[in-house]
């Protein structure tokens, strides 16, 4: 597992680590206490990925379309 705090991870790093966590848990060769820690880390990673995807969807939804059908810019972001 990475030492990087989950809230500082990029989407790509979080998803990669989440896949590794799931793989370890699926193998079932991890001690109970380690499994609990892995599960908690995995839940945090999943939440991070969902948050980043939601943020990306909101940004895409704000893209305005020009008269020619192409992207004309961004609408106001509510940040």
C-alpha atoms as a PDB file:
ATOM      1  CA  UNK A   1       0.000   0.000   0.000  1.00  0.00           C
ATOM      2  CA  UNK A   2       1.075   3.515  -0.721  1.00  0.00           C
ATOM      3  CA  UNK A   3       1.959   5.886   2.077  1.00  0.00           C
ATOM      4  CA  UNK A   4       0.334   8.756   0.159  1.00  0.00           C
ATOM      5  CA  UNK A   5      -2.801  10.088   1.878  1.00  0.00           C
ATOM      6  CA  UNK A   6      -5.840   9.063  -0.185  1.00  0.00           C
ATOM      7  CA  UNK A   7      -7.144  12.626  -0.447  1.00  0.00           C
ATOM      8  CA  UNK A   8      -3.903  13.691  -2.165  1.00  0.00           C
ATOM      9  CA  UNK A   9      -3.901  10.910  -4.781  1.00  0.00           C
ATOM     10  CA  UNK A  10      -4.693  11.393  -8.437  1.00  0.00           C
ATOM     11  CA  UNK A  11      -7.541   9.360  -9.874  1.00  0.00           C
ATOM     12  CA  UNK A  12      -5.093   7.136 -11.736  1.00  0.00           C
ATOM     13  CA  UNK A  13      -2.984   6.408  -8.660  1.00  0.00           C
ATOM     14  CA  UNK A  14      -6.053   5.757  -6.518  1.00  0.00           C
ATOM     15  CA  UNK A  15      -7.612   3.351  -9.017  1.00  0.00           C
ATOM     16  CA  UNK A  16      -4.321   1.488  -9.433  1.00  0.00           C
ATOM     17  CA  UNK A  17      -3.956   1.035  -5.680  1.00  0.00           C
ATOM     18  CA  UNK A  18      -7.632   0.081  -5.355  1.00  0.00           C
ATOM     19  CA  UNK A  19      -7.103  -2.682  -7.915  1.00  0.00           C
ATOM     20  CA  UNK A  20      -4.114  -3.931  -5.896  1.00  0.00           C
ATOM     21  CA  UNK A  21      -6.130  -3.890  -2.668  1.00  0.00           C
ATOM     22  CA  UNK A  22      -8.976  -5.843  -4.271  1.00  0.00           C
ATOM     23  CA  UNK A  23      -6.490  -8.380  -5.638  1.00  0.00           C
ATOM     24  CA  UNK A  24      -4.977  -8.958  -2.198  1.00  0.00           C
ATOM     25  CA  UNK A  25      -8.379  -9.339  -0.585  1.00  0.00           C
ATOM     26  CA  UNK A  26      -9.587 -11.733  -3.295  1.00  0.00           C
ATOM     27  CA  UNK A  27      -6.575 -13.987  -2.795  1.00  0.00           C
ATOM     28  CA  UNK A  28      -7.576 -14.380   0.837  1.00  0.00           C
ATOM     29  CA  UNK A  29      -4.046 -14.987   2.072  1.00  0.00           C
ATOM     30  CA  UNK A  30      -3.962 -11.892   4.290  1.00  0.00           C
ATOM     31  CA  UNK A  31      -4.285 -11.976   8.088  1.00  0.00           C
ATOM     32  CA  UNK A  32      -7.572 -10.740   9.532  1.00  0.00           C
ATOM     33  CA  UNK A  33      -6.204  -7.460  10.924  1.00  0.00           C
ATOM     34  CA  UNK A  34      -4.433  -6.762   7.637  1.00  0.00           C
ATOM     35  CA  UNK A  35      -7.628  -7.569   5.742  1.00  0.00           C
ATOM     36  CA  UNK A  36      -9.533  -5.040   7.823  1.00  0.00           C
ATOM     37  CA  UNK A  37      -6.894  -2.376   7.168  1.00  0.00           C
ATOM     38  CA  UNK A  38      -6.931  -3.206   3.444  1.00  0.00           C
ATOM     39  CA  UNK A  39     -10.725  -3.018   3.350  1.00  0.00           C
ATOM     40  CA  UNK A  40     -10.704   0.393   5.059  1.00  0.00           C
ATOM     41  CA  UNK A  41      -8.037   1.679   2.655  1.00  0.00           C
ATOM     42  CA  UNK A  42     -10.005   0.279  -0.270  1.00  0.00           C
ATOM     43  CA  UNK A  43     -13.190   2.010   0.875  1.00  0.00           C
ATOM     44  CA  UNK A  44     -11.320   5.331   1.115  1.00  0.00           C
ATOM     45  CA  UNK A  45      -9.783   4.796  -2.331  1.00  0.00           C
ATOM     46  CA  UNK A  46     -13.193   3.985  -3.819  1.00  0.00           C
ATOM     47  CA  UNK A  47     -14.659   7.164  -2.333  1.00  0.00           C
ATOM     48  CA  UNK A  48     -11.743   9.193  -3.752  1.00  0.00           C
ATOM     49  CA  UNK A  49     -12.252   7.746  -7.228  1.00  0.00           C
ATOM     50  CA  UNK A  50     -16.002   8.410  -7.102  1.00  0.00           C
ATOM     51  CA  UNK A  51     -15.386  12.007  -5.998  1.00  0.00           C
ATOM     52  CA  UNK A  52     -12.866  12.659  -8.800  1.00  0.00           C
ATOM     53  CA  UNK A  53     -15.224  11.146 -11.394  1.00  0.00           C
ATOM     54  CA  UNK A  54     -18.088  13.284 -10.134  1.00  0.00           C
ATOM     55  CA  UNK A  55     -15.917  16.405 -10.346  1.00  0.00           C
ATOM     56  CA  UNK A  56     -14.926  15.520 -13.907  1.00  0.00           C
ATOM     57  CA  UNK A  57     -18.564  14.933 -14.898  1.00  0.00           C
ATOM     58  CA  UNK A  58     -19.528  18.335 -13.488  1.00  0.00           C
ATOM     59  CA  UNK A  59     -16.778  20.045 -15.496  1.00  0.00           C
ATOM     60  CA  UNK A  60     -17.810  18.269 -18.694  1.00  0.00           C
ATOM     61  CA  UNK A  61     -21.425  19.271 -18.087  1.00  0.00           C
ATOM     62  CA  UNK A  62     -20.322  22.921 -17.931  1.00  0.00           C
ATOM     63  CA  UNK A  63     -18.727  22.887 -21.394  1.00  0.00           C
ATOM     64  CA  UNK A  64     -20.705  25.179 -23.660  1.00  0.00           C
ATOM     65  CA  UNK A  65     -21.331  24.370 -27.288  1.00  0.00           C
ATOM     66  CA  UNK A  66     -20.961  26.975 -30.001  1.00  0.00           C
ATOM     67  CA  UNK A  67     -23.226  27.420 -33.027  1.00  0.00           C
ATOM     68  CA  UNK A  68     -20.934  25.165 -35.069  1.00  0.00           C
ATOM     69  CA  UNK A  69     -21.405  22.336 -32.582  1.00  0.00           C
ATOM     70  CA  UNK A  70     -17.872  22.585 -31.213  1.00  0.00           C
ATOM     71  CA  UNK A  71     -16.832  23.413 -27.691  1.00  0.00           C
ATOM     72  CA  UNK A  72     -16.998  27.172 -27.220  1.00  0.00           C
ATOM     73  CA  UNK A  73     -15.709  27.388 -23.666  1.00  0.00           C
ATOM     74  CA  UNK A  74     -16.816  26.743 -20.164  1.00  0.00           C
ATOM     75  CA  UNK A  75     -19.850  27.945 -18.335  1.00  0.00           C
ATOM     76  CA  UNK A  76     -19.276  29.355 -14.873  1.00  0.00           C
ATOM     77  CA  UNK A  77     -17.840  26.805 -12.487  1.00  0.00           C
ATOM     78  CA  UNK A  78     -19.477  26.790  -9.096  1.00  0.00           C
ATOM     79  CA  UNK A  79     -16.173  26.443  -7.218  1.00  0.00           C
END
